[in-house]
């Protein structure tokens, strides 16, 4: 998949390397991490919904 992204991006910026591509995508990755973490927090701790079938929300010990 990354080679497809590199090929498309290289069409528009000829001197593009893997490091440049990673640097360009890092802000998007951080935003997605924060956004999905916030959604997970809301889902589990605010609404009290389980994360999957049969999955406990809290660990109750041994």
PDB file of N, CA and C in Angstrom:
ATOM      1  N   UNK A   1       0.821  -1.182   0.000  1.00  0.00           N
ATOM      2  CA  UNK A   1       0.000   0.000   0.000  1.00  0.00           C
ATOM      3  C   UNK A   1       0.870   1.253   0.000  1.00  0.00           C
ATOM      4  N   UNK A   2       1.969   1.223   0.739  1.00  0.00           N
ATOM      5  CA  UNK A   2       2.813   2.418   0.806  1.00  0.00           C
ATOM      6  C   UNK A   2       3.456   2.715  -0.546  1.00  0.00           C
ATOM      7  N   UNK A   3       3.725   1.681  -1.344  1.00  0.00           N
ATOM      8  CA  UNK A   3       4.301   1.934  -2.661  1.00  0.00           C
ATOM      9  C   UNK A   3       3.295   2.637  -3.567  1.00  0.00           C
ATOM     10  N   UNK A   4       2.011   2.345  -3.401  1.00  0.00           N
ATOM     11  CA  UNK A   4       0.983   3.034  -4.172  1.00  0.00           C
ATOM     12  C   UNK A   4       0.917   4.500  -3.763  1.00  0.00           C
ATOM     13  N   UNK A   5       0.976   4.775  -2.481  1.00  0.00           N
ATOM     14  CA  UNK A   5       0.978   6.152  -1.997  1.00  0.00           C
ATOM     15  C   UNK A   5       2.208   6.886  -2.506  1.00  0.00           C
ATOM     16  N   UNK A   6       3.363   6.233  -2.467  1.00  0.00           N
ATOM     17  CA  UNK A   6       4.590   6.851  -2.975  1.00  0.00           C
ATOM     18  C   UNK A   6       4.474   7.153  -4.464  1.00  0.00           C
ATOM     19  N   UNK A   7       3.914   6.229  -5.233  1.00  0.00           N
ATOM     20  CA  UNK A   7       3.800   6.424  -6.680  1.00  0.00           C
ATOM     21  C   UNK A   7       2.892   7.600  -7.004  1.00  0.00           C
ATOM     22  N   UNK A   8       1.773   7.700  -6.315  1.00  0.00           N
ATOM     23  CA  UNK A   8       0.852   8.808  -6.571  1.00  0.00           C
ATOM     24  C   UNK A   8       1.468  10.127  -6.129  1.00  0.00           C
ATOM     25  N   UNK A   9       2.098  10.149  -4.959  1.00  0.00           N
ATOM     26  CA  UNK A   9       2.696  11.389  -4.463  1.00  0.00           C
ATOM     27  C   UNK A   9       3.875  11.827  -5.329  1.00  0.00           C
ATOM     28  N   UNK A  10       4.628  10.876  -5.858  1.00  0.00           N
ATOM     29  CA  UNK A  10       5.786  11.202  -6.694  1.00  0.00           C
ATOM     30  C   UNK A  10       5.360  11.829  -8.025  1.00  0.00           C
ATOM     31  N   UNK A  11       4.152  11.601  -8.457  1.00  0.00           N
ATOM     32  CA  UNK A  11       3.660  12.245  -9.677  1.00  0.00           C
ATOM     33  C   UNK A  11       3.607  13.749  -9.516  1.00  0.00           C
ATOM     34  N   UNK A  12       3.335  14.224  -8.311  1.00  0.00           N
ATOM     35  CA  UNK A  12       3.142  15.644  -8.067  1.00  0.00           C
ATOM     36  C   UNK A  12       4.372  16.321  -7.472  1.00  0.00           C
ATOM     37  N   UNK A  13       5.243  15.561  -6.861  1.00  0.00           N
ATOM     38  CA  UNK A  13       6.474  16.106  -6.277  1.00  0.00           C
ATOM     39  C   UNK A  13       7.594  15.134  -6.617  1.00  0.00           C
ATOM     40  N   UNK A  14       8.407  15.492  -7.593  1.00  0.00           N
ATOM     41  CA  UNK A  14       9.391  14.558  -8.171  1.00  0.00           C
ATOM     42  C   UNK A  14      10.486  14.140  -7.187  1.00  0.00           C
ATOM     43  N   UNK A  15      10.881  15.015  -6.273  1.00  0.00           N
ATOM     44  CA  UNK A  15      11.991  14.697  -5.357  1.00  0.00           C
ATOM     45  C   UNK A  15      11.493  14.114  -4.030  1.00  0.00           C
ATOM     46  N   UNK A  16      10.325  13.513  -4.038  1.00  0.00           N
ATOM     47  CA  UNK A  16       9.728  12.956  -2.832  1.00  0.00           C
ATOM     48  C   UNK A  16      10.412  11.653  -2.445  1.00  0.00           C
ATOM     49  N   UNK A  17      10.768  11.523  -1.161  1.00  0.00           N
ATOM     50  CA  UNK A  17      11.329  10.285  -0.626  1.00  0.00           C
ATOM     51  C   UNK A  17      10.433   9.760   0.475  1.00  0.00           C
ATOM     52  N   UNK A  18      10.777   8.610   1.003  1.00  0.00           N
ATOM     53  CA  UNK A  18       9.965   7.992   2.051  1.00  0.00           C
ATOM     54  C   UNK A  18       9.978   8.840   3.327  1.00  0.00           C
ATOM     55  N   UNK A  19      11.102   9.473   3.621  1.00  0.00           N
ATOM     56  CA  UNK A  19      11.179  10.335   4.810  1.00  0.00           C
ATOM     57  C   UNK A  19      10.300  11.561   4.682  1.00  0.00           C
ATOM     58  N   UNK A  20      10.291  12.153   3.498  1.00  0.00           N
ATOM     59  CA  UNK A  20       9.432  13.312   3.249  1.00  0.00           C
ATOM     60  C   UNK A  20       7.971  12.918   3.360  1.00  0.00           C
ATOM     61  N   UNK A  21       7.623  11.775   2.819  1.00  0.00           N
ATOM     62  CA  UNK A  21       6.243  11.301   2.890  1.00  0.00           C
ATOM     63  C   UNK A  21       5.832  11.050   4.337  1.00  0.00           C
ATOM     64  N   UNK A  22       6.711  10.442   5.117  1.00  0.00           N
ATOM     65  CA  UNK A  22       6.411  10.193   6.527  1.00  0.00           C
ATOM     66  C   UNK A  22       6.251  11.502   7.289  1.00  0.00           C
ATOM     67  N   UNK A  23       7.112  12.474   7.008  1.00  0.00           N
ATOM     68  CA  UNK A  23       7.016  13.769   7.672  1.00  0.00           C
ATOM     69  C   UNK A  23       5.720  14.491   7.306  1.00  0.00           C
ATOM     70  N   UNK A  24       5.288  14.333   6.067  1.00  0.00           N
ATOM     71  CA  UNK A  24       4.040  14.965   5.640  1.00  0.00           C
ATOM     72  C   UNK A  24       2.825  14.306   6.282  1.00  0.00           C
ATOM     73  N   UNK A  25       2.883  13.006   6.526  1.00  0.00           N
ATOM     74  CA  UNK A  25       1.735  12.277   7.056  1.00  0.00           C
ATOM     75  C   UNK A  25       1.682  12.261   8.584  1.00  0.00           C
ATOM     76  N   UNK A  26       2.756  12.645   9.254  1.00  0.00           N
ATOM     77  CA  UNK A  26       2.814  12.597  10.716  1.00  0.00           C
ATOM     78  C   UNK A  26       1.725  13.437  11.388  1.00  0.00           C
ATOM     79  N   UNK A  27       1.467  14.669  10.956  1.00  0.00           N
ATOM     80  CA  UNK A  27       0.375  15.419  11.608  1.00  0.00           C
ATOM     81  C   UNK A  27      -0.985  14.732  11.487  1.00  0.00           C
ATOM     82  N   UNK A  28      -1.260  14.134  10.341  1.00  0.00           N
ATOM     83  CA  UNK A  28      -2.521  13.414  10.165  1.00  0.00           C
ATOM     84  C   UNK A  28      -2.581  12.209  11.105  1.00  0.00           C
ATOM     85  N   UNK A  29      -1.471  11.512  11.262  1.00  0.00           N
ATOM     86  CA  UNK A  29      -1.431  10.349  12.149  1.00  0.00           C
ATOM     87  C   UNK A  29      -1.687  10.749  13.594  1.00  0.00           C
ATOM     88  N   UNK A  30      -1.126  11.869  14.009  1.00  0.00           N
ATOM     89  CA  UNK A  30      -1.320  12.341  15.381  1.00  0.00           C
ATOM     90  C   UNK A  30      -2.773  12.737  15.611  1.00  0.00           C
ATOM     91  N   UNK A  31      -3.366  13.433  14.648  1.00  0.00           N
ATOM     92  CA  UNK A  31      -4.767  13.834  14.769  1.00  0.00           C
ATOM     93  C   UNK A  31      -5.675  12.605  14.843  1.00  0.00           C
ATOM     94  N   UNK A  32      -5.415  11.598  13.993  1.00  0.00           N
ATOM     95  CA  UNK A  32      -6.212  10.378  14.038  1.00  0.00           C
ATOM     96  C   UNK A  32      -6.041   9.660  15.376  1.00  0.00           C
ATOM     97  N   UNK A  33      -4.828   9.585  15.901  1.00  0.00           N
ATOM     98  CA  UNK A  33      -4.596   8.937  17.192  1.00  0.00           C
ATOM     99  C   UNK A  33      -5.371   9.641  18.302  1.00  0.00           C
ATOM    100  N   UNK A  34      -5.293  10.956  18.343  1.00  0.00           N
ATOM    101  CA  UNK A  34      -6.013  11.706  19.377  1.00  0.00           C
ATOM    102  C   UNK A  34      -7.528  11.579  19.205  1.00  0.00           C
ATOM    103  N   UNK A  35      -7.993  11.656  17.968  1.00  0.00           N
ATOM    104  CA  UNK A  35      -9.428  11.552  17.720  1.00  0.00           C
ATOM    105  C   UNK A  35     -10.001  10.202  18.104  1.00  0.00           C
ATOM    106  N   UNK A  36      -9.343   9.116  17.693  1.00  0.00           N
ATOM    107  CA  UNK A  36      -9.844   7.778  18.022  1.00  0.00           C
ATOM    108  C   UNK A  36      -9.696   7.483  19.516  1.00  0.00           C
ATOM    109  N   UNK A  37      -8.652   8.035  20.144  1.00  0.00           N
ATOM    110  CA  UNK A  37      -8.513   7.859  21.597  1.00  0.00           C
ATOM    111  C   UNK A  37      -9.650   8.556  22.330  1.00  0.00           C
ATOM    112  N   UNK A  38     -10.022   9.749  21.863  1.00  0.00           N
ATOM    113  CA  UNK A  38     -11.138  10.463  22.464  1.00  0.00           C
ATOM    114  C   UNK A  38     -12.439   9.698  22.272  1.00  0.00           C
ATOM    115  N   UNK A  39     -12.670   9.184  21.078  1.00  0.00           N
ATOM    116  CA  UNK A  39     -13.878   8.398  20.831  1.00  0.00           C
ATOM    117  C   UNK A  39     -13.919   7.136  21.688  1.00  0.00           C
ATOM    118  N   UNK A  40     -12.769   6.473  21.855  1.00  0.00           N
ATOM    119  CA  UNK A  40     -12.711   5.287  22.707  1.00  0.00           C
ATOM    120  C   UNK A  40     -13.033   5.645  24.153  1.00  0.00           C
ATOM    121  N   UNK A  41     -12.455   6.745  24.645  1.00  0.00           N
ATOM    122  CA  UNK A  41     -12.713   7.185  26.013  1.00  0.00           C
ATOM    123  C   UNK A  41     -14.204   7.471  26.216  1.00  0.00           C
ATOM    124  N   UNK A  42     -14.811   8.179  25.277  1.00  0.00           N
ATOM    125  CA  UNK A  42     -16.236   8.474  25.376  1.00  0.00           C
ATOM    126  C   UNK A  42     -17.073   7.194  25.346  1.00  0.00           C
ATOM    127  N   UNK A  43     -16.731   6.294  24.455  1.00  0.00           N
ATOM    128  CA  UNK A  43     -17.484   5.049  24.275  1.00  0.00           C
ATOM    129  C   UNK A  43     -17.478   4.214  25.554  1.00  0.00           C
ATOM    130  N   UNK A  44     -16.295   4.053  26.147  1.00  0.00           N
ATOM    131  CA  UNK A  44     -16.153   3.142  27.291  1.00  0.00           C
ATOM    132  C   UNK A  44     -16.472   3.818  28.617  1.00  0.00           C
ATOM    133  N   UNK A  45     -15.891   4.984  28.870  1.00  0.00           N
ATOM    134  CA  UNK A  45     -15.977   5.566  30.209  1.00  0.00           C
ATOM    135  C   UNK A  45     -17.127   6.554  30.388  1.00  0.00           C
ATOM    136  N   UNK A  46     -17.596   7.158  29.332  1.00  0.00           N
ATOM    137  CA  UNK A  46     -18.717   8.088  29.462  1.00  0.00           C
ATOM    138  C   UNK A  46     -20.040   7.358  29.256  1.00  0.00           C
ATOM    139  N   UNK A  47     -20.131   6.586  28.164  1.00  0.00           N
ATOM    140  CA  UNK A  47     -21.372   5.892  27.865  1.00  0.00           C
ATOM    141  C   UNK A  47     -21.442   4.501  28.485  1.00  0.00           C
ATOM    142  N   UNK A  48     -20.297   3.956  28.933  1.00  0.00           N
ATOM    143  CA  UNK A  48     -20.277   2.653  29.591  1.00  0.00           C
ATOM    144  C   UNK A  48     -20.554   1.480  28.665  1.00  0.00           C
ATOM    145  N   UNK A  49     -20.296   1.635  27.380  1.00  0.00           N
ATOM    146  CA  UNK A  49     -20.557   0.572  26.422  1.00  0.00           C
ATOM    147  C   UNK A  49     -19.362  -0.377  26.338  1.00  0.00           C
ATOM    148  N   UNK A  50     -19.597  -1.653  26.074  1.00  0.00           N
ATOM    149  CA  UNK A  50     -18.482  -2.593  25.945  1.00  0.00           C
ATOM    150  C   UNK A  50     -17.740  -2.378  24.621  1.00  0.00           C
ATOM    151  N   UNK A  51     -16.484  -2.781  24.579  1.00  0.00           N
ATOM    152  CA  UNK A  51     -15.685  -2.621  23.367  1.00  0.00           C
ATOM    153  C   UNK A  51     -15.862  -3.780  22.399  1.00  0.00           C
ATOM    154  N   UNK A  52     -16.528  -4.821  22.824  1.00  0.00           N
ATOM    155  CA  UNK A  52     -16.761  -5.960  21.948  1.00  0.00           C
ATOM    156  C   UNK A  52     -17.683  -6.954  22.609  1.00  0.00           C
ATOM    157  N   UNK A  53     -18.101  -7.964  21.871  1.00  0.00           N
ATOM    158  CA  UNK A  53     -18.998  -8.968  22.440  1.00  0.00           C
ATOM    159  C   UNK A  53     -18.315  -9.750  23.566  1.00  0.00           C
ATOM    160  N   UNK A  54     -18.897  -9.728  24.730  1.00  0.00           N
ATOM    161  CA  UNK A  54     -18.366 -10.477  25.859  1.00  0.00           C
ATOM    162  C   UNK A  54     -17.143  -9.854  26.513  1.00  0.00           C
ATOM    163  N   UNK A  55     -16.788  -8.648  26.102  1.00  0.00           N
ATOM    164  CA  UNK A  55     -15.597  -7.985  26.665  1.00  0.00           C
ATOM    165  C   UNK A  55     -15.992  -7.148  27.865  1.00  0.00           C
ATOM    166  N   UNK A  56     -15.276  -7.318  28.950  1.00  0.00           N
ATOM    167  CA  UNK A  56     -15.526  -6.529  30.138  1.00  0.00           C
ATOM    168  C   UNK A  56     -14.923  -5.138  29.966  1.00  0.00           C
ATOM    169  N   UNK A  57     -15.596  -4.138  30.501  1.00  0.00           N
ATOM    170  CA  UNK A  57     -15.088  -2.774  30.403  1.00  0.00           C
ATOM    171  C   UNK A  57     -13.958  -2.552  31.407  1.00  0.00           C
ATOM    172  N   UNK A  58     -14.074  -3.121  32.587  1.00  0.00           N
ATOM    173  CA  UNK A  58     -13.061  -2.943  33.613  1.00  0.00           C
ATOM    174  C   UNK A  58     -12.486  -4.301  34.030  1.00  0.00           C
ATOM    175  N   UNK A  59     -11.228  -4.308  34.409  1.00  0.00           N
ATOM    176  CA  UNK A  59     -10.566  -5.523  34.901  1.00  0.00           C
ATOM    177  C   UNK A  59     -10.840  -5.640  36.398  1.00  0.00           C
ATOM    178  N   UNK A  60     -11.426  -6.751  36.819  1.00  0.00           N
ATOM    179  CA  UNK A  60     -11.843  -6.918  38.204  1.00  0.00           C
ATOM    180  C   UNK A  60     -10.842  -7.684  39.064  1.00  0.00           C
ATOM    181  N   UNK A  61      -9.661  -7.946  38.584  1.00  0.00           N
ATOM    182  CA  UNK A  61      -8.665  -8.649  39.373  1.00  0.00           C
ATOM    183  C   UNK A  61      -8.714 -10.157  39.196  1.00  0.00           C
ATOM    184  N   UNK A  62      -7.870 -10.853  39.957  1.00  0.00           N
ATOM    185  CA  UNK A  62      -7.784 -12.317  39.835  1.00  0.00           C
ATOM    186  C   UNK A  62      -8.758 -13.014  40.737  1.00  0.00           C
TER     187      UNK A  62
END
